[in-house]
Amino acid sequence: MKAIQQHEFGAADVLQLAEVPDPTPAAGEVVVDVRAIGINPVETYIRSGIYPKPPTPFTLGNDAAGVIARVGADVGSVSVGDRVYVAGAKTGTYAEQALCTADQVHPLPERASFAQGAAINVPYVTAYQAMMHRGRAAPGETLFVHGGSGGVGIAAIQFAVALGMKVIATASTARGRELILEQRAHHALDHAAPDYLDELKSLTGGRGAHLILEMLANVNLAADIDAVARFGRIVMIGNRGERNQGEVSINPRAAMAKDADVLGMVMYNASAAEMRATHAAIVAGLAAGTLRPVIGREFPLAQAADAHRAVEAGQAYGKIVLVP
């Protein structure tokens, strides 16, 4: 089969198409014929060597969707021919096939395309974990998504609308704000405008947001503390920059005065019970149509380097996927 392999760390050009052996499932494992692959920003960090470096050569990727091709012994949860989305893979997903444990694949309802299935795992699991398990979101509350036009932001908006929250989100481009409103958010603000947080306060009657999901904490955390409501919660999902570049100056007293919670999260810290609940909610939302992953752009598998460059360029709306 063909797969994208990486033999060194660096710029996007280190991603090279290669011929590798087809995977064979052992007991408790399955092989998925991959129809679409989701690209996440974290994979650009791994590729460049910012994150701990896996042994080379290796294939990137945790997200994909496709059809079960082969099943190992002791697997009763799926059968050959089942449509699934992939939430982690033993061999990486930037490939024509992926080797997974049986609990890494989940049903993909017919109303969702394979490209949409590839856009599920990291964005939707992250959004649900941040909102529900860390942020304690509740119907009737106001959610502020600080960076709402990317994969996680869109997922959060869809979850929040279905939950019955008032949703305010930001994007720096007109197309991004249009996309936010298409997801039925109540308001879309321009976070490049100097007064957008004043507008947020006006929209909340001066109270601020009960829950803030922050996609760029190293830039926005101080502003979030000012914008959060009394007894509110801020969940930090994204942070760009290395060491000193990632530092932000905040006034702890501002959080103290509001009894506000400032919470970090990484989806991989979710417990097994939280993961089961999250994927059950995702499958149900896909089947009901309340969750609708947005695909911004598709690239052929061989153009993985171009896809990474598009992710790194920023100002993305929707999900960037690879198609084998």
C-alpha atoms as a PDB file:
ATOM      1  CA  MET A   1       0.000   0.000   0.000  1.00  0.00           C
ATOM      2  CA  LYS A   2       0.984   3.651  -0.286  1.00  0.00           C
ATOM      3  CA  ALA A   3       1.637   5.699   2.831  1.00  0.00           C
ATOM      4  CA  ILE A   4       3.209   9.010   3.768  1.00  0.00           C
ATOM      5  CA  GLN A   5       6.427   8.364   5.650  1.00  0.00           C
ATOM      6  CA  GLN A   6       8.741  10.682   7.528  1.00  0.00           C
ATOM      7  CA  HIS A   7      12.453   9.891   7.914  1.00  0.00           C
ATOM      8  CA  GLU A   8      13.511  13.208   9.461  1.00  0.00           C
ATOM      9  CA  PHE A   9      11.991  16.244  11.158  1.00  0.00           C
ATOM     10  CA  GLY A  10      11.564  19.621   9.560  1.00  0.00           C
ATOM     11  CA  ALA A  11       9.460  21.531   7.035  1.00  0.00           C
ATOM     12  CA  ALA A  12       6.518  19.988   5.197  1.00  0.00           C
ATOM     13  CA  ASP A  13       8.728  18.547   2.449  1.00  0.00           C
ATOM     14  CA  VAL A  14       9.907  15.783   4.813  1.00  0.00           C
ATOM     15  CA  LEU A  15       6.533  14.093   4.165  1.00  0.00           C
ATOM     16  CA  GLN A  16       7.177  11.600   1.362  1.00  0.00           C
ATOM     17  CA  LEU A  17       4.931   9.079  -0.391  1.00  0.00           C
ATOM     18  CA  ALA A  18       6.286   5.527  -0.026  1.00  0.00           C
ATOM     19  CA  GLU A  19       5.298   1.918  -0.677  1.00  0.00           C
ATOM     20  CA  VAL A  20       4.962  -0.078   2.556  1.00  0.00           C
ATOM     21  CA  PRO A  21       3.588  -3.561   3.403  1.00  0.00           C
ATOM     22  CA  ASP A  22      -0.141  -3.966   3.950  1.00  0.00           C
ATOM     23  CA  PRO A  23      -0.933  -4.296   7.673  1.00  0.00           C
ATOM     24  CA  THR A  24      -2.137  -7.633   9.093  1.00  0.00           C
ATOM     25  CA  PRO A  25      -4.464  -7.609  12.113  1.00  0.00           C
ATOM     26  CA  ALA A  26      -3.620  -9.610  15.230  1.00  0.00           C
ATOM     27  CA  ALA A  27      -6.199 -10.614  17.821  1.00  0.00           C
ATOM     28  CA  GLY A  28      -8.305  -7.638  18.831  1.00  0.00           C
ATOM     29  CA  GLU A  29      -7.234  -5.594  15.795  1.00  0.00           C
ATOM     30  CA  VAL A  30      -8.801  -4.488  12.518  1.00  0.00           C
ATOM     31  CA  VAL A  31      -7.553  -3.070   9.230  1.00  0.00           C
ATOM     32  CA  VAL A  32      -9.441  -0.127   7.736  1.00  0.00           C
ATOM     33  CA  ASP A  33      -9.461   0.686   4.034  1.00  0.00           C
ATOM     34  CA  VAL A  34      -8.980   4.432   4.382  1.00  0.00           C
ATOM     35  CA  ARG A  35     -11.204   6.659   2.253  1.00  0.00           C
ATOM     36  CA  ALA A  36     -10.343  10.011   3.882  1.00  0.00           C
ATOM     37  CA  ILE A  37      -7.768  11.281   6.419  1.00  0.00           C
ATOM     38  CA  GLY A  38      -8.143  14.199   8.794  1.00  0.00           C
ATOM     39  CA  ILE A  39      -5.176  16.533   9.345  1.00  0.00           C
ATOM     40  CA  ASN A  40      -4.772  18.222  12.711  1.00  0.00           C
ATOM     41  CA  PRO A  41      -2.453  21.103  13.674  1.00  0.00           C
ATOM     42  CA  VAL A  42      -0.694  18.898  16.246  1.00  0.00           C
ATOM     43  CA  GLU A  43       0.631  16.775  13.374  1.00  0.00           C
ATOM     44  CA  THR A  44       2.476  19.768  11.955  1.00  0.00           C
ATOM     45  CA  TYR A  45       4.162  20.178  15.351  1.00  0.00           C
ATOM     46  CA  ILE A  46       5.162  16.496  15.463  1.00  0.00           C
ATOM     47  CA  ARG A  47       6.456  16.663  11.884  1.00  0.00           C
ATOM     48  CA  SER A  48       8.611  19.688  12.633  1.00  0.00           C
ATOM     49  CA  GLY A  49      10.084  18.181  15.811  1.00  0.00           C
ATOM     50  CA  ILE A  50       8.468  20.567  18.330  1.00  0.00           C
ATOM     51  CA  TYR A  51       6.807  17.663  20.134  1.00  0.00           C
ATOM     52  CA  PRO A  52       8.649  14.568  21.435  1.00  0.00           C
ATOM     53  CA  LYS A  53      10.031  12.829  18.398  1.00  0.00           C
ATOM     54  CA  PRO A  54       8.798   9.326  17.526  1.00  0.00           C
ATOM     55  CA  PRO A  55      11.311   6.864  16.052  1.00  0.00           C
ATOM     56  CA  THR A  56      11.778   7.251  12.319  1.00  0.00           C
ATOM     57  CA  PRO A  57      10.547   6.291   9.831  1.00  0.00           C
ATOM     58  CA  PHE A  58       6.924   6.718  10.853  1.00  0.00           C
ATOM     59  CA  THR A  59       3.504   7.598   9.456  1.00  0.00           C
ATOM     60  CA  LEU A  60       1.565  10.473  10.979  1.00  0.00           C
ATOM     61  CA  GLY A  61      -2.133  10.600  11.735  1.00  0.00           C
ATOM     62  CA  ASN A  62      -4.848   9.593  14.179  1.00  0.00           C
ATOM     63  CA  ASP A  63      -8.006  10.517  12.276  1.00  0.00           C
ATOM     64  CA  ALA A  64      -9.562   8.807   9.267  1.00  0.00           C
ATOM     65  CA  ALA A  65     -12.711   7.177   7.932  1.00  0.00           C
ATOM     66  CA  GLY A  66     -13.261   4.157   5.741  1.00  0.00           C
ATOM     67  CA  VAL A  67     -14.464   0.591   5.591  1.00  0.00           C
ATOM     68  CA  ILE A  68     -13.368  -2.411   7.656  1.00  0.00           C
ATOM     69  CA  ALA A  69     -11.198  -4.556   5.343  1.00  0.00           C
ATOM     70  CA  ARG A  70      -9.871  -7.283   7.661  1.00  0.00           C
ATOM     71  CA  VAL A  71     -10.682  -8.380  11.197  1.00  0.00           C
ATOM     72  CA  GLY A  72      -8.425 -10.223  13.641  1.00  0.00           C
ATOM     73  CA  ALA A  73      -9.477 -12.882  16.106  1.00  0.00           C
ATOM     74  CA  ASP A  74     -11.680 -11.989  19.079  1.00  0.00           C
ATOM     75  CA  VAL A  75     -13.239  -8.952  17.384  1.00  0.00           C
ATOM     76  CA  GLY A  76     -17.017  -8.937  17.660  1.00  0.00           C
ATOM     77  CA  SER A  77     -17.796  -5.216  17.602  1.00  0.00           C
ATOM     78  CA  VAL A  78     -17.322  -4.684  13.841  1.00  0.00           C
ATOM     79  CA  SER A  79     -17.400  -6.747  10.656  1.00  0.00           C
ATOM     80  CA  VAL A  80     -15.796  -6.553   7.227  1.00  0.00           C
ATOM     81  CA  GLY A  81     -17.605  -3.899   5.182  1.00  0.00           C
ATOM     82  CA  ASP A  82     -18.684  -1.724   8.123  1.00  0.00           C
ATOM     83  CA  ARG A  83     -18.344   2.037   7.685  1.00  0.00           C
ATOM     84  CA  VAL A  84     -16.270   3.496  10.525  1.00  0.00           C
ATOM     85  CA  TYR A  85     -14.407   6.554  11.668  1.00  0.00           C
ATOM     86  CA  VAL A  86     -10.981   6.071  13.189  1.00  0.00           C
ATOM     87  CA  ALA A  87      -9.983   7.521  16.559  1.00  0.00           C
ATOM     88  CA  GLY A  88      -6.319   6.549  16.706  1.00  0.00           C
ATOM     89  CA  ALA A  89      -4.291   3.985  14.782  1.00  0.00           C
ATOM     90  CA  LYS A  90      -1.313   1.776  15.526  1.00  0.00           C
ATOM     91  CA  THR A  91       0.254   2.484  12.125  1.00  0.00           C
ATOM     92  CA  GLY A  92      -0.796   6.101  11.526  1.00  0.00           C
ATOM     93  CA  THR A  93      -3.604   7.160   9.197  1.00  0.00           C
ATOM     94  CA  TYR A  94      -1.758   8.983   6.370  1.00  0.00           C
ATOM     95  CA  ALA A  95      -2.024   5.809   4.311  1.00  0.00           C
ATOM     96  CA  GLU A  96      -4.294   3.693   2.129  1.00  0.00           C
ATOM     97  CA  GLN A  97      -4.889   1.339   5.073  1.00  0.00           C
ATOM     98  CA  ALA A  98      -4.678   1.732   8.844  1.00  0.00           C
ATOM     99  CA  LEU A  99      -4.173  -0.881  11.550  1.00  0.00           C
ATOM    100  CA  CYS A 100      -6.317  -0.158  14.611  1.00  0.00           C
ATOM    101  CA  THR A 101      -7.403  -1.847  17.793  1.00  0.00           C
ATOM    102  CA  ALA A 102     -11.103  -2.665  17.734  1.00  0.00           C
ATOM    103  CA  ASP A 103     -11.888   0.070  20.262  1.00  0.00           C
ATOM    104  CA  GLN A 104     -10.271   2.709  18.025  1.00  0.00           C
ATOM    105  CA  VAL A 105     -13.008   2.444  15.388  1.00  0.00           C
ATOM    106  CA  HIS A 106     -16.567   3.721  15.749  1.00  0.00           C
ATOM    107  CA  PRO A 107     -19.695   3.479  13.574  1.00  0.00           C
ATOM    108  CA  LEU A 108     -19.997   6.112  10.842  1.00  0.00           C
ATOM    109  CA  PRO A 109     -23.700   6.777  10.154  1.00  0.00           C
ATOM    110  CA  GLU A 110     -24.773   6.735   6.509  1.00  0.00           C
ATOM    111  CA  ARG A 111     -25.716  10.413   6.501  1.00  0.00           C
ATOM    112  CA  ALA A 112     -22.035  11.348   7.120  1.00  0.00           C
ATOM    113  CA  SER A 113     -19.544  11.216   4.241  1.00  0.00           C
ATOM    114  CA  PHE A 114     -16.118   9.640   4.604  1.00  0.00           C
ATOM    115  CA  ALA A 115     -14.541  13.114   4.483  1.00  0.00           C
ATOM    116  CA  GLN A 116     -16.802  14.165   7.358  1.00  0.00           C
ATOM    117  CA  GLY A 117     -15.884  10.983   9.229  1.00  0.00           C
ATOM    118  CA  ALA A 118     -12.216  11.880   8.884  1.00  0.00           C
ATOM    119  CA  ALA A 119     -12.967  15.259  10.464  1.00  0.00           C
ATOM    120  CA  ILE A 120     -14.420  13.809  13.669  1.00  0.00           C
ATOM    121  CA  ASN A 121     -11.918  12.412  16.115  1.00  0.00           C
ATOM    122  CA  VAL A 122      -9.557  15.126  17.352  1.00  0.00           C
ATOM    123  CA  PRO A 123     -11.866  18.131  16.727  1.00  0.00           C
ATOM    124  CA  TYR A 124     -15.083  16.657  18.107  1.00  0.00           C
ATOM    125  CA  VAL A 125     -13.538  14.726  20.984  1.00  0.00           C
ATOM    126  CA  THR A 126     -11.561  17.823  21.981  1.00  0.00           C
ATOM    127  CA  ALA A 127     -14.632  20.067  21.783  1.00  0.00           C
ATOM    128  CA  TYR A 128     -16.796  17.678  23.812  1.00  0.00           C
ATOM    129  CA  GLN A 129     -14.120  17.088  26.441  1.00  0.00           C
ATOM    130  CA  ALA A 130     -13.505  20.830  26.788  1.00  0.00           C
ATOM    131  CA  MET A 131     -17.178  21.756  26.957  1.00  0.00           C
ATOM    132  CA  MET A 132     -18.770  18.946  28.900  1.00  0.00           C
ATOM    133  CA  HIS A 133     -16.151  17.229  31.031  1.00  0.00           C
ATOM    134  CA  ARG A 134     -13.886  20.198  31.770  1.00  0.00           C
ATOM    135  CA  GLY A 135     -16.115  23.220  31.198  1.00  0.00           C
ATOM    136  CA  ARG A 136     -19.346  21.826  32.679  1.00  0.00           C
ATOM    137  CA  ALA A 137     -21.490  23.394  29.952  1.00  0.00           C
ATOM    138  CA  ALA A 138     -25.184  23.713  30.713  1.00  0.00           C
ATOM    139  CA  PRO A 139     -28.303  24.630  28.695  1.00  0.00           C
ATOM    140  CA  GLY A 140     -29.145  28.310  28.871  1.00  0.00           C
ATOM    141  CA  GLU A 141     -25.560  29.413  29.442  1.00  0.00           C
ATOM    142  CA  THR A 142     -23.556  31.613  27.068  1.00  0.00           C
ATOM    143  CA  LEU A 143     -20.603  29.997  25.318  1.00  0.00           C
ATOM    144  CA  PHE A 144     -17.865  32.157  23.807  1.00  0.00           C
ATOM    145  CA  VAL A 145     -15.654  30.303  21.301  1.00  0.00           C
ATOM    146  CA  HIS A 146     -12.503  32.387  20.932  1.00  0.00           C
ATOM    147  CA  GLY A 147     -11.545  31.154  17.460  1.00  0.00           C
ATOM    148  CA  GLY A 148     -14.620  29.444  16.077  1.00  0.00           C
ATOM    149  CA  SER A 149     -13.992  28.780  12.385  1.00  0.00           C
ATOM    150  CA  GLY A 150     -11.553  25.849  12.679  1.00  0.00           C
ATOM    151  CA  GLY A 151     -12.372  22.197  13.241  1.00  0.00           C
ATOM    152  CA  VAL A 152     -12.628  22.334  17.063  1.00  0.00           C
ATOM    153  CA  GLY A 153     -14.510  25.629  17.020  1.00  0.00           C
ATOM    154  CA  ILE A 154     -17.111  24.352  14.569  1.00  0.00           C
ATOM    155  CA  ALA A 155     -17.568  21.172  16.609  1.00  0.00           C
ATOM    156  CA  ALA A 156     -18.044  23.204  19.799  1.00  0.00           C
ATOM    157  CA  ILE A 157     -20.637  25.436  18.161  1.00  0.00           C
ATOM    158  CA  GLN A 158     -22.632  22.434  16.937  1.00  0.00           C
ATOM    159  CA  PHE A 159     -22.532  20.725  20.348  1.00  0.00           C
ATOM    160  CA  ALA A 160     -23.539  23.951  22.096  1.00  0.00           C
ATOM    161  CA  VAL A 161     -26.447  24.735  19.776  1.00  0.00           C
ATOM    162  CA  ALA A 162     -27.809  21.200  20.262  1.00  0.00           C
ATOM    163  CA  LEU A 163     -27.428  21.623  24.036  1.00  0.00           C
ATOM    164  CA  GLY A 164     -29.428  24.847  24.071  1.00  0.00           C
ATOM    165  CA  MET A 165     -26.666  27.367  24.806  1.00  0.00           C
ATOM    166  CA  LYS A 166     -26.369  30.912  23.511  1.00  0.00           C
ATOM    167  CA  VAL A 167     -23.318  30.821  21.245  1.00  0.00           C
ATOM    168  CA  ILE A 168     -20.952  33.672  20.379  1.00  0.00           C
ATOM    169  CA  ALA A 169     -17.831  32.896  18.353  1.00  0.00           C
ATOM    170  CA  THR A 170     -15.025  34.764  16.607  1.00  0.00           C
ATOM    171  CA  ALA A 171     -13.092  34.571  13.355  1.00  0.00           C
ATOM    172  CA  SER A 172     -10.684  36.989  11.711  1.00  0.00           C
ATOM    173  CA  THR A 173     -12.095  36.662   8.181  1.00  0.00           C
ATOM    174  CA  ALA A 174     -15.504  37.423   6.716  1.00  0.00           C
ATOM    175  CA  ARG A 175     -15.701  33.858   5.342  1.00  0.00           C
ATOM    176  CA  GLY A 176     -14.929  32.466   8.791  1.00  0.00           C
ATOM    177  CA  ARG A 177     -17.665  34.550  10.407  1.00  0.00           C
ATOM    178  CA  GLU A 178     -20.106  33.477   7.711  1.00  0.00           C
ATOM    179  CA  LEU A 179     -19.242  29.850   8.457  1.00  0.00           C
ATOM    180  CA  ILE A 180     -19.832  30.406  12.183  1.00  0.00           C
ATOM    181  CA  LEU A 181     -23.328  31.761  11.482  1.00  0.00           C
ATOM    182  CA  GLU A 182     -24.017  28.866   9.104  1.00  0.00           C
ATOM    183  CA  GLN A 183     -23.512  26.571  12.129  1.00  0.00           C
ATOM    184  CA  ARG A 184     -26.348  28.497  13.841  1.00  0.00           C
ATOM    185  CA  ALA A 185     -24.205  30.422  16.298  1.00  0.00           C
ATOM    186  CA  HIS A 186     -26.135  33.452  17.526  1.00  0.00           C
ATOM    187  CA  HIS A 187     -23.353  35.981  16.903  1.00  0.00           C
ATOM    188  CA  ALA A 188     -20.033  36.051  15.012  1.00  0.00           C
ATOM    189  CA  LEU A 189     -17.404  38.625  16.035  1.00  0.00           C
ATOM    190  CA  ASP A 190     -14.195  39.757  14.338  1.00  0.00           C
ATOM    191  CA  HIS A 191     -11.341  39.098  16.769  1.00  0.00           C
ATOM    192  CA  ALA A 192      -9.097  41.340  14.668  1.00  0.00           C
ATOM    193  CA  ALA A 193     -11.301  44.339  15.511  1.00  0.00           C
ATOM    194  CA  PRO A 194     -10.093  46.413  18.487  1.00  0.00           C
ATOM    195  CA  ASP A 195     -13.485  46.534  20.219  1.00  0.00           C
ATOM    196  CA  TYR A 196     -14.786  43.001  19.745  1.00  0.00           C
ATOM    197  CA  LEU A 197     -14.655  42.161  23.463  1.00  0.00           C
ATOM    198  CA  ASP A 198     -16.739  45.269  24.189  1.00  0.00           C
ATOM    199  CA  GLU A 199     -19.284  43.832  21.764  1.00  0.00           C
ATOM    200  CA  LEU A 200     -19.184  40.521  23.649  1.00  0.00           C
ATOM    201  CA  LYS A 201     -19.951  42.300  26.907  1.00  0.00           C
ATOM    202  CA  SER A 202     -22.787  44.208  25.271  1.00  0.00           C
ATOM    203  CA  LEU A 203     -24.295  40.977  23.896  1.00  0.00           C
ATOM    204  CA  THR A 204     -24.210  39.438  27.393  1.00  0.00           C
ATOM    205  CA  GLY A 205     -25.663  42.468  29.180  1.00  0.00           C
ATOM    206  CA  GLY A 206     -22.276  43.292  30.691  1.00  0.00           C
ATOM    207  CA  ARG A 207     -22.048  39.920  32.417  1.00  0.00           C
ATOM    208  CA  GLY A 208     -19.592  38.138  30.137  1.00  0.00           C
ATOM    209  CA  ALA A 209     -19.645  34.517  28.964  1.00  0.00           C
ATOM    210  CA  HIS A 210     -20.307  31.630  31.338  1.00  0.00           C
ATOM    211  CA  LEU A 211     -17.903  29.406  29.418  1.00  0.00           C
ATOM    212  CA  ILE A 212     -15.015  30.405  27.143  1.00  0.00           C
ATOM    213  CA  LEU A 213     -13.190  27.961  24.885  1.00  0.00           C
ATOM    214  CA  GLU A 214      -9.785  29.421  24.049  1.00  0.00           C
ATOM    215  CA  MET A 215      -7.883  28.359  20.926  1.00  0.00           C
ATOM    216  CA  LEU A 216      -4.871  30.693  21.350  1.00  0.00           C
ATOM    217  CA  ALA A 217      -4.203  31.003  25.074  1.00  0.00           C
ATOM    218  CA  ASN A 218      -0.731  32.524  24.728  1.00  0.00           C
ATOM    219  CA  VAL A 219      -2.356  35.571  23.099  1.00  0.00           C
ATOM    220  CA  ASN A 220      -5.867  35.767  24.549  1.00  0.00           C
ATOM    221  CA  LEU A 221      -5.895  34.408  28.106  1.00  0.00           C
ATOM    222  CA  ALA A 222      -5.667  37.788  29.834  1.00  0.00           C
ATOM    223  CA  ALA A 223      -8.560  39.081  27.726  1.00  0.00           C
ATOM    224  CA  ASP A 224     -10.567  35.935  28.508  1.00  0.00           C
ATOM    225  CA  ILE A 225     -10.290  36.566  32.243  1.00  0.00           C
ATOM    226  CA  ASP A 226     -11.757  40.008  31.661  1.00  0.00           C
ATOM    227  CA  ALA A 227     -14.505  38.607  29.413  1.00  0.00           C
ATOM    228  CA  VAL A 228     -15.622  35.650  31.544  1.00  0.00           C
ATOM    229  CA  ALA A 229     -18.677  35.932  33.784  1.00  0.00           C
ATOM    230  CA  ARG A 230     -18.601  35.671  37.559  1.00  0.00           C
ATOM    231  CA  PHE A 231     -18.219  31.981  38.481  1.00  0.00           C
ATOM    232  CA  GLY A 232     -17.400  31.313  34.820  1.00  0.00           C
ATOM    233  CA  ARG A 233     -14.959  28.856  33.288  1.00  0.00           C
ATOM    234  CA  ILE A 234     -12.178  29.297  30.732  1.00  0.00           C
ATOM    235  CA  VAL A 235     -10.891  26.137  29.043  1.00  0.00           C
ATOM    236  CA  MET A 236      -7.578  26.449  27.217  1.00  0.00           C
ATOM    237  CA  ILE A 237      -7.560  24.237  24.123  1.00  0.00           C
ATOM    238  CA  GLY A 238      -4.816  25.760  21.967  1.00  0.00           C
ATOM    239  CA  ASN A 239      -1.495  27.505  22.577  1.00  0.00           C
ATOM    240  CA  ARG A 240       1.065  28.337  19.917  1.00  0.00           C
ATOM    241  CA  GLY A 241       4.633  29.346  20.488  1.00  0.00           C
ATOM    242  CA  GLU A 242       7.593  27.756  22.173  1.00  0.00           C
ATOM    243  CA  ARG A 243       8.856  28.436  25.679  1.00  0.00           C
ATOM    244  CA  ASN A 244       9.117  32.223  26.103  1.00  0.00           C
ATOM    245  CA  GLN A 245       7.047  32.790  22.964  1.00  0.00           C
ATOM    246  CA  GLY A 246       4.172  31.003  24.660  1.00  0.00           C
ATOM    247  CA  GLU A 247       4.209  33.086  27.839  1.00  0.00           C
ATOM    248  CA  VAL A 248       1.305  35.415  28.593  1.00  0.00           C
ATOM    249  CA  SER A 249       0.949  37.964  31.371  1.00  0.00           C
ATOM    250  CA  ILE A 250      -2.253  37.740  33.415  1.00  0.00           C
ATOM    251  CA  ASN A 251      -3.576  39.335  36.583  1.00  0.00           C
ATOM    252  CA  PRO A 252      -4.556  36.463  38.915  1.00  0.00           C
ATOM    253  CA  ARG A 253      -6.601  38.877  41.048  1.00  0.00           C
ATOM    254  CA  ALA A 254      -8.985  39.385  38.123  1.00  0.00           C
ATOM    255  CA  ALA A 255      -9.789  35.662  38.141  1.00  0.00           C
ATOM    256  CA  MET A 256      -9.971  35.614  41.946  1.00  0.00           C
ATOM    257  CA  ALA A 257     -12.486  38.470  42.006  1.00  0.00           C
ATOM    258  CA  LYS A 258     -14.849  36.461  39.804  1.00  0.00           C
ATOM    259  CA  ASP A 259     -14.259  33.016  41.344  1.00  0.00           C
ATOM    260  CA  ALA A 260     -13.424  32.055  37.767  1.00  0.00           C
ATOM    261  CA  ASP A 261     -11.874  28.728  36.804  1.00  0.00           C
ATOM    262  CA  VAL A 262      -8.987  28.678  34.313  1.00  0.00           C
ATOM    263  CA  LEU A 263      -8.651  25.115  33.062  1.00  0.00           C
ATOM    264  CA  GLY A 264      -6.191  23.360  30.794  1.00  0.00           C
ATOM    265  CA  MET A 265      -7.098  20.311  28.757  1.00  0.00           C
ATOM    266  CA  VAL A 266      -5.640  17.760  26.375  1.00  0.00           C
ATOM    267  CA  MET A 267      -8.004  15.202  24.907  1.00  0.00           C
ATOM    268  CA  TYR A 268      -5.598  12.336  25.656  1.00  0.00           C
ATOM    269  CA  ASN A 269      -6.080  12.927  29.395  1.00  0.00           C
ATOM    270  CA  ALA A 270      -9.744  11.923  29.150  1.00  0.00           C
ATOM    271  CA  SER A 271     -10.633   8.808  31.118  1.00  0.00           C
ATOM    272  CA  ALA A 272     -11.880   5.656  29.430  1.00  0.00           C
ATOM    273  CA  ALA A 273     -15.397   6.376  30.721  1.00  0.00           C
ATOM    274  CA  GLU A 274     -15.258   9.937  29.355  1.00  0.00           C
ATOM    275  CA  MET A 275     -14.080   8.661  25.973  1.00  0.00           C
ATOM    276  CA  ARG A 276     -16.935   6.155  25.788  1.00  0.00           C
ATOM    277  CA  ALA A 277     -19.465   8.856  26.628  1.00  0.00           C
ATOM    278  CA  THR A 278     -17.920  11.247  24.116  1.00  0.00           C
ATOM    279  CA  HIS A 279     -17.986   8.826  21.188  1.00  0.00           C
ATOM    280  CA  ALA A 280     -21.539   7.756  22.035  1.00  0.00           C
ATOM    281  CA  ALA A 281     -22.593  11.411  21.888  1.00  0.00           C
ATOM    282  CA  ILE A 282     -20.736  11.923  18.602  1.00  0.00           C
ATOM    283  CA  VAL A 283     -22.272   8.890  16.879  1.00  0.00           C
ATOM    284  CA  ALA A 284     -25.745   9.934  18.059  1.00  0.00           C
ATOM    285  CA  GLY A 285     -25.210  13.507  16.848  1.00  0.00           C
ATOM    286  CA  LEU A 286     -23.987  12.343  13.437  1.00  0.00           C
ATOM    287  CA  ALA A 287     -26.984  10.043  13.072  1.00  0.00           C
ATOM    288  CA  ALA A 288     -29.417  12.792  14.083  1.00  0.00           C
ATOM    289  CA  GLY A 289     -27.761  15.414  11.889  1.00  0.00           C
ATOM    290  CA  THR A 290     -26.959  17.847  14.704  1.00  0.00           C
ATOM    291  CA  LEU A 291     -23.246  17.251  14.107  1.00  0.00           C
ATOM    292  CA  ARG A 292     -22.095  18.118  10.592  1.00  0.00           C
ATOM    293  CA  PRO A 293     -18.316  18.312  10.144  1.00  0.00           C
ATOM    294  CA  VAL A 294     -17.355  21.001   7.638  1.00  0.00           C
ATOM    295  CA  ILE A 295     -14.716  20.184   5.043  1.00  0.00           C
ATOM    296  CA  GLY A 296     -12.703  23.176   3.950  1.00  0.00           C
ATOM    297  CA  ARG A 297     -10.383  21.545   1.413  1.00  0.00           C
ATOM    298  CA  GLU A 298      -9.323  18.119   0.139  1.00  0.00           C
ATOM    299  CA  PHE A 299      -5.851  17.091  -1.053  1.00  0.00           C
ATOM    300  CA  PRO A 300      -4.670  13.807  -2.637  1.00  0.00           C
ATOM    301  CA  LEU A 301      -2.587  11.654  -0.291  1.00  0.00           C
ATOM    302  CA  ALA A 302       0.546  12.367  -2.333  1.00  0.00           C
ATOM    303  CA  GLN A 303       0.127  16.089  -1.594  1.00  0.00           C
ATOM    304  CA  ALA A 304       0.335  15.721   2.197  1.00  0.00           C
ATOM    305  CA  ALA A 305       3.096  18.357   2.304  1.00  0.00           C
ATOM    306  CA  ASP A 306       0.820  20.893   0.579  1.00  0.00           C
ATOM    307  CA  ALA A 307      -1.964  20.046   3.027  1.00  0.00           C
ATOM    308  CA  HIS A 308       0.372  20.698   5.971  1.00  0.00           C
ATOM    309  CA  ARG A 309       1.366  24.037   4.477  1.00  0.00           C
ATOM    310  CA  ALA A 310      -2.312  24.964   4.193  1.00  0.00           C
ATOM    311  CA  VAL A 311      -2.865  24.112   7.869  1.00  0.00           C
ATOM    312  CA  GLU A 312       0.179  26.146   8.907  1.00  0.00           C
ATOM    313  CA  ALA A 313      -0.958  29.154   6.862  1.00  0.00           C
ATOM    314  CA  GLY A 314      -3.806  29.660   9.341  1.00  0.00           C
ATOM    315  CA  GLN A 315      -7.120  31.392   8.693  1.00  0.00           C
ATOM    316  CA  ALA A 316      -8.574  27.982   7.914  1.00  0.00           C
ATOM    317  CA  TYR A 317     -12.274  27.316   7.938  1.00  0.00           C
ATOM    318  CA  GLY A 318     -13.444  23.771   8.251  1.00  0.00           C
ATOM    319  CA  LYS A 319     -11.280  20.687   8.087  1.00  0.00           C
ATOM    320  CA  ILE A 320      -8.447  19.896   5.692  1.00  0.00           C
ATOM    321  CA  VAL A 321      -8.458  16.235   4.634  1.00  0.00           C
ATOM    322  CA  LEU A 322      -6.343  13.890   2.524  1.00  0.00           C
ATOM    323  CA  VAL A 323      -7.916  11.438   0.083  1.00  0.00           C
ATOM    324  CA  PRO A 324      -5.973   8.253  -0.846  1.00  0.00           C
END
